[in-house]
Every structure is written in C-alpha cells, then in structure tokens.
Amino acid sequence: MSVLLTVVYVVFAVAALLTVWRIISGPSILDRAVASDVLLTLIICVLGAEMAINHHTRTLPLLLIVAAVGVFGSISIARFVARRDGGTK
C-alpha cells in the first residue's frame, strides 16, 4: 500500500508541475484558464484521495470551496474574453 501511495503522490506532483508550467508559459489567456482549471481539478482529486486514504470527511468543506472557486473563475474568464473579443453581453 505504501508503494502505491508513493506512486499516486508522484503522479499528482508531476501533473501539478506540468500544469503550473502551462499556466506560466501559456501563450493565451484561454490556455492559462484551462490550465488553472486542470490545477484546481488536481487539487480536488488530491483532497478526495486524502479523505479516502485517511477515512475522514474533515476536508469536504475545503473541497467544495475549491470547486466553487473553479466554476466561478471559469465563468469570469469566459465573460472577460467574450467582452474583449467583441462578443455579445
């Protein structure tokens, strides 16, 4: 079980580093927005995995807050890009 957990942690860490790299070097704001959504999804997955491994639900409110921030952030960026590109209200 310990080896499996180590592999899972390494996979999540590598995915997070690659996502942060895309946020930093993304050529457009939409690339950065998608990468930030992926990073928030990774955080949600890590929190969910931690809850399952340790058999508790203490971090469930944090999980819900991170999910809400992701949704509202995506909507805000989409509205900003639509207005900047001359789209409709």
PDB file of N, CA and C in Angstrom:
ATOM      1  N   MET A   1       0.822  -1.194   0.000  1.00  0.00           N
ATOM      2  CA  MET A   1       0.000   0.000   0.000  1.00  0.00           C
ATOM      3  C   MET A   1       0.864   1.255   0.000  1.00  0.00           C
ATOM      4  N   SER A   2       1.979   1.224   0.685  1.00  0.00           N
ATOM      5  CA  SER A   2       2.855   2.384   0.766  1.00  0.00           C
ATOM      6  C   SER A   2       3.466   2.717  -0.592  1.00  0.00           C
ATOM      7  N   VAL A   3       3.828   1.706  -1.357  1.00  0.00           N
ATOM      8  CA  VAL A   3       4.400   1.944  -2.687  1.00  0.00           C
ATOM      9  C   VAL A   3       3.345   2.560  -3.603  1.00  0.00           C
ATOM     10  N   LEU A   4       2.116   2.071  -3.499  1.00  0.00           N
ATOM     11  CA  LEU A   4       1.035   2.607  -4.313  1.00  0.00           C
ATOM     12  C   LEU A   4       0.768   4.074  -3.986  1.00  0.00           C
ATOM     13  N   LEU A   5       0.771   4.409  -2.708  1.00  0.00           N
ATOM     14  CA  LEU A   5       0.572   5.805  -2.309  1.00  0.00           C
ATOM     15  C   LEU A   5       1.692   6.691  -2.825  1.00  0.00           C
ATOM     16  N   THR A   6       2.898   6.218  -2.760  1.00  0.00           N
ATOM     17  CA  THR A   6       4.028   6.997  -3.274  1.00  0.00           C
ATOM     18  C   THR A   6       3.886   7.242  -4.770  1.00  0.00           C
ATOM     19  N   VAL A   7       3.486   6.230  -5.501  1.00  0.00           N
ATOM     20  CA  VAL A   7       3.284   6.388  -6.945  1.00  0.00           C
ATOM     21  C   VAL A   7       2.173   7.395  -7.224  1.00  0.00           C
ATOM     22  N   VAL A   8       1.087   7.316  -6.477  1.00  0.00           N
ATOM     23  CA  VAL A   8      -0.021   8.255  -6.666  1.00  0.00           C
ATOM     24  C   VAL A   8       0.429   9.680  -6.367  1.00  0.00           C
ATOM     25  N   TYR A   9       1.154   9.881  -5.285  1.00  0.00           N
ATOM     26  CA  TYR A   9       1.646  11.217  -4.941  1.00  0.00           C
ATOM     27  C   TYR A   9       2.595  11.761  -6.006  1.00  0.00           C
ATOM     28  N   VAL A  10       3.450  10.916  -6.537  1.00  0.00           N
ATOM     29  CA  VAL A  10       4.387  11.354  -7.577  1.00  0.00           C
ATOM     30  C   VAL A  10       3.634  11.732  -8.848  1.00  0.00           C
ATOM     31  N   VAL A  11       2.638  10.953  -9.219  1.00  0.00           N
ATOM     32  CA  VAL A  11       1.856  11.265 -10.424  1.00  0.00           C
ATOM     33  C   VAL A  11       1.129  12.599 -10.257  1.00  0.00           C
ATOM     34  N   PHE A  12       0.512  12.811  -9.082  1.00  0.00           N
ATOM     35  CA  PHE A  12      -0.159  14.091  -8.840  1.00  0.00           C
ATOM     36  C   PHE A  12       0.839  15.247  -8.852  1.00  0.00           C
ATOM     37  N   ALA A  13       2.016  15.061  -8.291  1.00  0.00           N
ATOM     38  CA  ALA A  13       3.018  16.129  -8.253  1.00  0.00           C
ATOM     39  C   ALA A  13       3.519  16.472  -9.653  1.00  0.00           C
ATOM     40  N   VAL A  14       3.780  15.452 -10.460  1.00  0.00           N
ATOM     41  CA  VAL A  14       4.236  15.707 -11.835  1.00  0.00           C
ATOM     42  C   VAL A  14       3.147  16.415 -12.635  1.00  0.00           C
ATOM     43  N   ALA A  15       1.908  15.977 -12.482  1.00  0.00           N
ATOM     44  CA  ALA A  15       0.804  16.628 -13.190  1.00  0.00           C
ATOM     45  C   ALA A  15       0.655  18.081 -12.755  1.00  0.00           C
ATOM     46  N   ALA A  16       0.807  18.340 -11.463  1.00  0.00           N
ATOM     47  CA  ALA A  16       0.701  19.715 -10.974  1.00  0.00           C
ATOM     48  C   ALA A  16       1.839  20.579 -11.509  1.00  0.00           C
ATOM     49  N   LEU A  17       3.050  20.049 -11.547  1.00  0.00           N
ATOM     50  CA  LEU A  17       4.175  20.826 -12.075  1.00  0.00           C
ATOM     51  C   LEU A  17       3.991  21.139 -13.563  1.00  0.00           C
ATOM     52  N   LEU A  18       3.532  20.164 -14.327  1.00  0.00           N
ATOM     53  CA  LEU A  18       3.288  20.413 -15.753  1.00  0.00           C
ATOM     54  C   LEU A  18       2.169  21.433 -15.953  1.00  0.00           C
ATOM     55  N   THR A  19       1.172  21.388 -15.093  1.00  0.00           N
ATOM     56  CA  THR A  19       0.071  22.346 -15.194  1.00  0.00           C
ATOM     57  C   THR A  19       0.543  23.756 -14.841  1.00  0.00           C
ATOM     58  N   VAL A  20       1.350  23.870 -13.806  1.00  0.00           N
ATOM     59  CA  VAL A  20       1.895  25.190 -13.438  1.00  0.00           C
ATOM     60  C   VAL A  20       2.773  25.724 -14.571  1.00  0.00           C
ATOM     61  N   TRP A  21       3.517  24.840 -15.208  1.00  0.00           N
ATOM     62  CA  TRP A  21       4.332  25.271 -16.352  1.00  0.00           C
ATOM     63  C   TRP A  21       3.442  25.826 -17.472  1.00  0.00           C
ATOM     64  N   ARG A  22       2.294  25.200 -17.724  1.00  0.00           N
ATOM     65  CA  ARG A  22       1.380  25.689 -18.759  1.00  0.00           C
ATOM     66  C   ARG A  22       0.770  27.021 -18.355  1.00  0.00           C
ATOM     67  N   ILE A  23       0.498  27.204 -17.068  1.00  0.00           N
ATOM     68  CA  ILE A  23      -0.027  28.489 -16.606  1.00  0.00           C
ATOM     69  C   ILE A  23       1.001  29.584 -16.824  1.00  0.00           C
ATOM     70  N   ILE A  24       2.259  29.292 -16.557  1.00  0.00           N
ATOM     71  CA  ILE A  24       3.312  30.297 -16.707  1.00  0.00           C
ATOM     72  C   ILE A  24       3.603  30.591 -18.172  1.00  0.00           C
ATOM     73  N   SER A  25       3.687  29.555 -19.000  1.00  0.00           N
ATOM     74  CA  SER A  25       4.139  29.758 -20.377  1.00  0.00           C
ATOM     75  C   SER A  25       3.018  29.751 -21.408  1.00  0.00           C
ATOM     76  N   GLY A  26       1.774  29.649 -20.970  1.00  0.00           N
ATOM     77  CA  GLY A  26       0.671  29.589 -21.927  1.00  0.00           C
ATOM     78  C   GLY A  26       0.630  30.824 -22.808  1.00  0.00           C
ATOM     79  N   PRO A  27       0.525  30.638 -24.113  1.00  0.00           N
ATOM     80  CA  PRO A  27       0.566  31.804 -24.993  1.00  0.00           C
ATOM     81  C   PRO A  27      -0.690  32.674 -24.924  1.00  0.00           C
ATOM     82  N   SER A  28      -1.816  32.125 -24.533  1.00  0.00           N
ATOM     83  CA  SER A  28      -3.031  32.951 -24.488  1.00  0.00           C
ATOM     84  C   SER A  28      -3.693  32.821 -23.122  1.00  0.00           C
ATOM     85  N   ILE A  29      -4.626  33.718 -22.877  1.00  0.00           N
ATOM     86  CA  ILE A  29      -5.333  33.697 -21.602  1.00  0.00           C
ATOM     87  C   ILE A  29      -6.208  32.458 -21.492  1.00  0.00           C
ATOM     88  N   LEU A  30      -6.715  31.970 -22.611  1.00  0.00           N
ATOM     89  CA  LEU A  30      -7.545  30.762 -22.562  1.00  0.00           C
ATOM     90  C   LEU A  30      -6.721  29.528 -22.211  1.00  0.00           C
ATOM     91  N   ASP A  31      -5.475  29.452 -22.692  1.00  0.00           N
ATOM     92  CA  ASP A  31      -4.598  28.351 -22.296  1.00  0.00           C
ATOM     93  C   ASP A  31      -4.338  28.382 -20.795  1.00  0.00           C
ATOM     94  N   ARG A  32      -4.115  29.567 -20.281  1.00  0.00           N
ATOM     95  CA  ARG A  32      -3.891  29.709 -18.847  1.00  0.00           C
ATOM     96  C   ARG A  32      -5.145  29.374 -18.048  1.00  0.00           C
ATOM     97  N   ALA A  33      -6.317  29.738 -18.566  1.00  0.00           N
ATOM     98  CA  ALA A  33      -7.573  29.431 -17.885  1.00  0.00           C
ATOM     99  C   ALA A  33      -7.810  27.924 -17.825  1.00  0.00           C
ATOM    100  N   VAL A  34      -7.570  27.244 -18.927  1.00  0.00           N
ATOM    101  CA  VAL A  34      -7.741  25.789 -18.940  1.00  0.00           C
ATOM    102  C   VAL A  34      -6.743  25.133 -17.995  1.00  0.00           C
ATOM    103  N   ALA A  35      -5.518  25.612 -17.979  1.00  0.00           N
ATOM    104  CA  ALA A  35      -4.505  25.043 -17.078  1.00  0.00           C
ATOM    105  C   ALA A  35      -4.873  25.288 -15.616  1.00  0.00           C
ATOM    106  N   SER A  36      -5.423  26.448 -15.311  1.00  0.00           N
ATOM    107  CA  SER A  36      -5.828  26.698 -13.925  1.00  0.00           C
ATOM    108  C   SER A  36      -7.007  25.811 -13.539  1.00  0.00           C
ATOM    109  N   ASP A  37      -7.917  25.536 -14.474  1.00  0.00           N
ATOM    110  CA  ASP A  37      -8.992  24.590 -14.192  1.00  0.00           C
ATOM    111  C   ASP A  37      -8.444  23.190 -13.940  1.00  0.00           C
ATOM    112  N   VAL A  38      -7.459  22.798 -14.709  1.00  0.00           N
ATOM    113  CA  VAL A  38      -6.841  21.482 -14.509  1.00  0.00           C
ATOM    114  C   VAL A  38      -6.147  21.436 -13.150  1.00  0.00           C
ATOM    115  N   LEU A  39      -5.483  22.509 -12.769  1.00  0.00           N
ATOM    116  CA  LEU A  39      -4.812  22.541 -11.467  1.00  0.00           C
ATOM    117  C   LEU A  39      -5.821  22.448 -10.326  1.00  0.00           C
ATOM    118  N   LEU A  40      -6.928  23.158 -10.447  1.00  0.00           N
ATOM    119  CA  LEU A  40      -7.955  23.060  -9.412  1.00  0.00           C
ATOM    120  C   LEU A  40      -8.554  21.658  -9.366  1.00  0.00           C
ATOM    121  N   THR A  41      -8.709  21.029 -10.517  1.00  0.00           N
ATOM    122  CA  THR A  41      -9.202  19.654 -10.549  1.00  0.00           C
ATOM    123  C   THR A  41      -8.209  18.710  -9.877  1.00  0.00           C
ATOM    124  N   LEU A  42      -6.927  18.934 -10.111  1.00  0.00           N
ATOM    125  CA  LEU A  42      -5.914  18.116  -9.430  1.00  0.00           C
ATOM    126  C   LEU A  42      -5.980  18.305  -7.916  1.00  0.00           C
ATOM    127  N   ILE A  43      -6.180  19.528  -7.471  1.00  0.00           N
ATOM    128  CA  ILE A  43      -6.284  19.789  -6.037  1.00  0.00           C
ATOM    129  C   ILE A  43      -7.501  19.073  -5.466  1.00  0.00           C
ATOM    130  N   ILE A  44      -8.611  19.100  -6.188  1.00  0.00           N
ATOM    131  CA  ILE A  44      -9.811  18.400  -5.739  1.00  0.00           C
ATOM    132  C   ILE A  44      -9.552  16.894  -5.656  1.00  0.00           C
ATOM    133  N   CYS A  45      -8.866  16.352  -6.659  1.00  0.00           N
ATOM    134  CA  CYS A  45      -8.550  14.921  -6.645  1.00  0.00           C
ATOM    135  C   CYS A  45      -7.626  14.553  -5.489  1.00  0.00           C
ATOM    136  N   VAL A  46      -6.645  15.394  -5.213  1.00  0.00           N
ATOM    137  CA  VAL A  46      -5.733  15.122  -4.097  1.00  0.00           C
ATOM    138  C   VAL A  46      -6.486  15.176  -2.772  1.00  0.00           C
ATOM    139  N   LEU A  47      -7.351  16.164  -2.606  1.00  0.00           N
ATOM    140  CA  LEU A  47      -8.133  16.237  -1.372  1.00  0.00           C
ATOM    141  C   LEU A  47      -9.060  15.033  -1.233  1.00  0.00           C
ATOM    142  N   GLY A  48      -9.687  14.625  -2.314  1.00  0.00           N
ATOM    143  CA  GLY A  48     -10.545  13.449  -2.275  1.00  0.00           C
ATOM    144  C   GLY A  48      -9.771  12.180  -1.975  1.00  0.00           C
ATOM    145  N   ALA A  49      -8.602  12.041  -2.571  1.00  0.00           N
ATOM    146  CA  ALA A  49      -7.765  10.870  -2.292  1.00  0.00           C
ATOM    147  C   ALA A  49      -7.306  10.857  -0.838  1.00  0.00           C
ATOM    148  N   GLU A  50      -6.964  12.018  -0.321  1.00  0.00           N
ATOM    149  CA  GLU A  50      -6.531  12.112   1.073  1.00  0.00           C
ATOM    150  C   GLU A  50      -7.677  11.732   2.010  1.00  0.00           C
ATOM    151  N   MET A  51      -8.890  12.159   1.681  1.00  0.00           N
ATOM    152  CA  MET A  51     -10.037  11.784   2.505  1.00  0.00           C
ATOM    153  C   MET A  51     -10.276  10.275   2.456  1.00  0.00           C
ATOM    154  N   ALA A  52     -10.150   9.678   1.276  1.00  0.00           N
ATOM    155  CA  ALA A  52     -10.366   8.236   1.148  1.00  0.00           C
ATOM    156  C   ALA A  52      -9.279   7.431   1.861  1.00  0.00           C
ATOM    157  N   ILE A  53      -8.047   7.893   1.776  1.00  0.00           N
ATOM    158  CA  ILE A  53      -6.935   7.166   2.407  1.00  0.00           C
ATOM    159  C   ILE A  53      -7.037   7.217   3.921  1.00  0.00           C
ATOM    160  N   ASN A  54      -7.373   8.390   4.454  1.00  0.00           N
ATOM    161  CA  ASN A  54      -7.400   8.559   5.911  1.00  0.00           C
ATOM    162  C   ASN A  54      -8.778   8.326   6.522  1.00  0.00           C
ATOM    163  N   HIS A  55      -9.760   7.981   5.721  1.00  0.00           N
ATOM    164  CA  HIS A  55     -11.106   7.638   6.189  1.00  0.00           C
ATOM    165  C   HIS A  55     -11.735   8.754   7.029  1.00  0.00           C
ATOM    166  N   HIS A  56     -11.798   9.958   6.479  1.00  0.00           N
ATOM    167  CA  HIS A  56     -12.454  11.061   7.169  1.00  0.00           C
ATOM    168  C   HIS A  56     -13.109  11.983   6.147  1.00  0.00           C
ATOM    169  N   THR A  57     -13.884  12.935   6.650  1.00  0.00           N
ATOM    170  CA  THR A  57     -14.533  13.918   5.773  1.00  0.00           C
ATOM    171  C   THR A  57     -14.265  15.341   6.261  1.00  0.00           C
ATOM    172  N   ARG A  58     -13.208  15.553   6.990  1.00  0.00           N
ATOM    173  CA  ARG A  58     -12.907  16.882   7.540  1.00  0.00           C
ATOM    174  C   ARG A  58     -12.593  17.906   6.459  1.00  0.00           C
ATOM    175  N   THR A  59     -12.041  17.476   5.340  1.00  0.00           N
ATOM    176  CA  THR A  59     -11.655  18.426   4.292  1.00  0.00           C
ATOM    177  C   THR A  59     -12.729  18.602   3.233  1.00  0.00           C
ATOM    178  N   LEU A  60     -13.918  18.060   3.468  1.00  0.00           N
ATOM    179  CA  LEU A  60     -15.004  18.205   2.498  1.00  0.00           C
ATOM    180  C   LEU A  60     -15.405  19.665   2.271  1.00  0.00           C
ATOM    181  N   PRO A  61     -15.512  20.514   3.311  1.00  0.00           N
ATOM    182  CA  PRO A  61     -15.820  21.934   3.031  1.00  0.00           C
ATOM    183  C   PRO A  61     -14.760  22.610   2.155  1.00  0.00           C
ATOM    184  N   LEU A  62     -13.495  22.295   2.386  1.00  0.00           N
ATOM    185  CA  LEU A  62     -12.425  22.852   1.558  1.00  0.00           C
ATOM    186  C   LEU A  62     -12.559  22.379   0.115  1.00  0.00           C
ATOM    187  N   LEU A  63     -12.930  21.124  -0.060  1.00  0.00           N
ATOM    188  CA  LEU A  63     -13.123  20.560  -1.390  1.00  0.00           C
ATOM    189  C   LEU A  63     -14.237  21.303  -2.120  1.00  0.00           C
ATOM    190  N   LEU A  64     -15.323  21.590  -1.439  1.00  0.00           N
ATOM    191  CA  LEU A  64     -16.436  22.306  -2.052  1.00  0.00           C
ATOM    192  C   LEU A  64     -16.072  23.758  -2.380  1.00  0.00           C
ATOM    193  N   ILE A  65     -15.290  24.399  -1.527  1.00  0.00           N
ATOM    194  CA  ILE A  65     -14.867  25.773  -1.787  1.00  0.00           C
ATOM    195  C   ILE A  65     -13.958  25.831  -3.010  1.00  0.00           C
ATOM    196  N   VAL A  66     -13.031  24.894  -3.128  1.00  0.00           N
ATOM    197  CA  VAL A  66     -12.134  24.868  -4.283  1.00  0.00           C
ATOM    198  C   VAL A  66     -12.929  24.628  -5.566  1.00  0.00           C
ATOM    199  N   ALA A  67     -13.935  23.769  -5.515  1.00  0.00           N
ATOM    200  CA  ALA A  67     -14.772  23.517  -6.683  1.00  0.00           C
ATOM    201  C   ALA A  67     -15.551  24.771  -7.077  1.00  0.00           C
ATOM    202  N   ALA A  68     -16.085  25.487  -6.100  1.00  0.00           N
ATOM    203  CA  ALA A  68     -16.825  26.713  -6.393  1.00  0.00           C
ATOM    204  C   ALA A  68     -15.911  27.789  -6.975  1.00  0.00           C
ATOM    205  N   VAL A  69     -14.717  27.916  -6.445  1.00  0.00           N
ATOM    206  CA  VAL A  69     -13.757  28.884  -6.990  1.00  0.00           C
ATOM    207  C   VAL A  69     -13.435  28.551  -8.437  1.00  0.00           C
ATOM    208  N   GLY A  70     -13.284  27.290  -8.752  1.00  0.00           N
ATOM    209  CA  GLY A  70     -13.010  26.877 -10.124  1.00  0.00           C
ATOM    210  C   GLY A  70     -14.129  27.232 -11.068  1.00  0.00           C
ATOM    211  N   VAL A  71     -15.362  26.977 -10.664  1.00  0.00           N
ATOM    212  CA  VAL A  71     -16.512  27.283 -11.521  1.00  0.00           C
ATOM    213  C   VAL A  71     -16.641  28.782 -11.722  1.00  0.00           C
ATOM    214  N   PHE A  72     -16.612  29.544 -10.644  1.00  0.00           N
ATOM    215  CA  PHE A  72     -16.775  30.991 -10.765  1.00  0.00           C
ATOM    216  C   PHE A  72     -15.612  31.637 -11.497  1.00  0.00           C
ATOM    217  N   GLY A  73     -14.416  31.109 -11.315  1.00  0.00           N
ATOM    218  CA  GLY A  73     -13.267  31.634 -12.053  1.00  0.00           C
ATOM    219  C   GLY A  73     -13.378  31.384 -13.541  1.00  0.00           C
ATOM    220  N   SER A  74     -13.825  30.214 -13.925  1.00  0.00           N
ATOM    221  CA  SER A  74     -14.000  29.902 -15.346  1.00  0.00           C
ATOM    222  C   SER A  74     -15.059  30.786 -15.977  1.00  0.00           C
ATOM    223  N   ILE A  75     -16.154  30.993 -15.269  1.00  0.00           N
ATOM    224  CA  ILE A  75     -17.217  31.866 -15.794  1.00  0.00           C
ATOM    225  C   ILE A  75     -16.712  33.286 -15.941  1.00  0.00           C
ATOM    226  N   SER A  76     -15.957  33.775 -14.970  1.00  0.00           N
ATOM    227  CA  SER A  76     -15.433  35.143 -15.040  1.00  0.00           C
ATOM    228  C   SER A  76     -14.475  35.318 -16.210  1.00  0.00           C
ATOM    229  N   ILE A  77     -13.601  34.355 -16.411  1.00  0.00           N
ATOM    230  CA  ILE A  77     -12.651  34.446 -17.518  1.00  0.00           C
ATOM    231  C   ILE A  77     -13.378  34.376 -18.857  1.00  0.00           C
ATOM    232  N   ALA A  78     -14.374  33.511 -18.955  1.00  0.00           N
ATOM    233  CA  ALA A  78     -15.132  33.403 -20.208  1.00  0.00           C
ATOM    234  C   ALA A  78     -15.852  34.703 -20.517  1.00  0.00           C
ATOM    235  N   ARG A  79     -16.418  35.331 -19.517  1.00  0.00           N
ATOM    236  CA  ARG A  79     -17.100  36.619 -19.743  1.00  0.00           C
ATOM    237  C   ARG A  79     -16.102  37.709 -20.141  1.00  0.00           C
ATOM    238  N   PHE A  80     -14.928  37.715 -19.500  1.00  0.00           N
ATOM    239  CA  PHE A  80     -13.904  38.701 -19.821  1.00  0.00           C
ATOM    240  C   PHE A  80     -13.429  38.544 -21.259  1.00  0.00           C
ATOM    241  N   VAL A  81     -13.157  37.325 -21.672  1.00  0.00           N
ATOM    242  CA  VAL A  81     -12.671  37.075 -23.029  1.00  0.00           C
ATOM    243  C   VAL A  81     -13.751  37.400 -24.056  1.00  0.00           C
ATOM    244  N   ALA A  82     -14.991  37.084 -23.741  1.00  0.00           N
ATOM    245  CA  ALA A  82     -16.086  37.384 -24.675  1.00  0.00           C
ATOM    246  C   ALA A  82     -16.241  38.890 -24.864  1.00  0.00           C
ATOM    247  N   ARG A  83     -16.133  39.648 -23.810  1.00  0.00           N
ATOM    248  CA  ARG A  83     -16.254  41.115 -23.931  1.00  0.00           C
ATOM    249  C   ARG A  83     -15.051  41.710 -24.638  1.00  0.00           C
ATOM    250  N   ARG A  84     -13.863  41.175 -24.380  1.00  0.00           N
ATOM    251  CA  ARG A  84     -12.658  41.696 -25.013  1.00  0.00           C
ATOM    252  C   ARG A  84     -12.651  41.435 -26.507  1.00  0.00           C
ATOM    253  N   ASP A  85     -13.183  40.284 -26.903  1.00  0.00           N
ATOM    254  CA  ASP A  85     -13.212  39.923 -28.317  1.00  0.00           C
ATOM    255  C   ASP A  85     -14.391  40.510 -29.066  1.00  0.00           C
ATOM    256  N   GLY A  86     -15.210  41.296 -28.368  1.00  0.00           N
ATOM    257  CA  GLY A  86     -16.332  41.959 -29.043  1.00  0.00           C
ATOM    258  C   GLY A  86     -17.568  41.122 -29.126  1.00  0.00           C
ATOM    259  N   GLY A  87     -17.696  40.133 -28.261  1.00  0.00           N
ATOM    260  CA  GLY A  87     -18.878  39.282 -28.255  1.00  0.00           C
ATOM    261  C   GLY A  87     -20.062  40.015 -27.646  1.00  0.00           C
ATOM    262  N   THR A  88     -21.205  39.363 -27.623  1.00  0.00           N
ATOM    263  CA  THR A  88     -22.403  39.959 -27.038  1.00  0.00           C
ATOM    264  C   THR A  88     -22.365  39.849 -25.526  1.00  0.00           C
ATOM    265  N   LYS A  89     -23.251  40.616 -24.881  1.00  0.00           N
ATOM    266  CA  LYS A  89     -23.327  40.591 -23.428  1.00  0.00           C
ATOM    267  C   LYS A  89     -23.806  39.247 -23.018  1.00  0.00           C
TER     268      LYS A  89
END
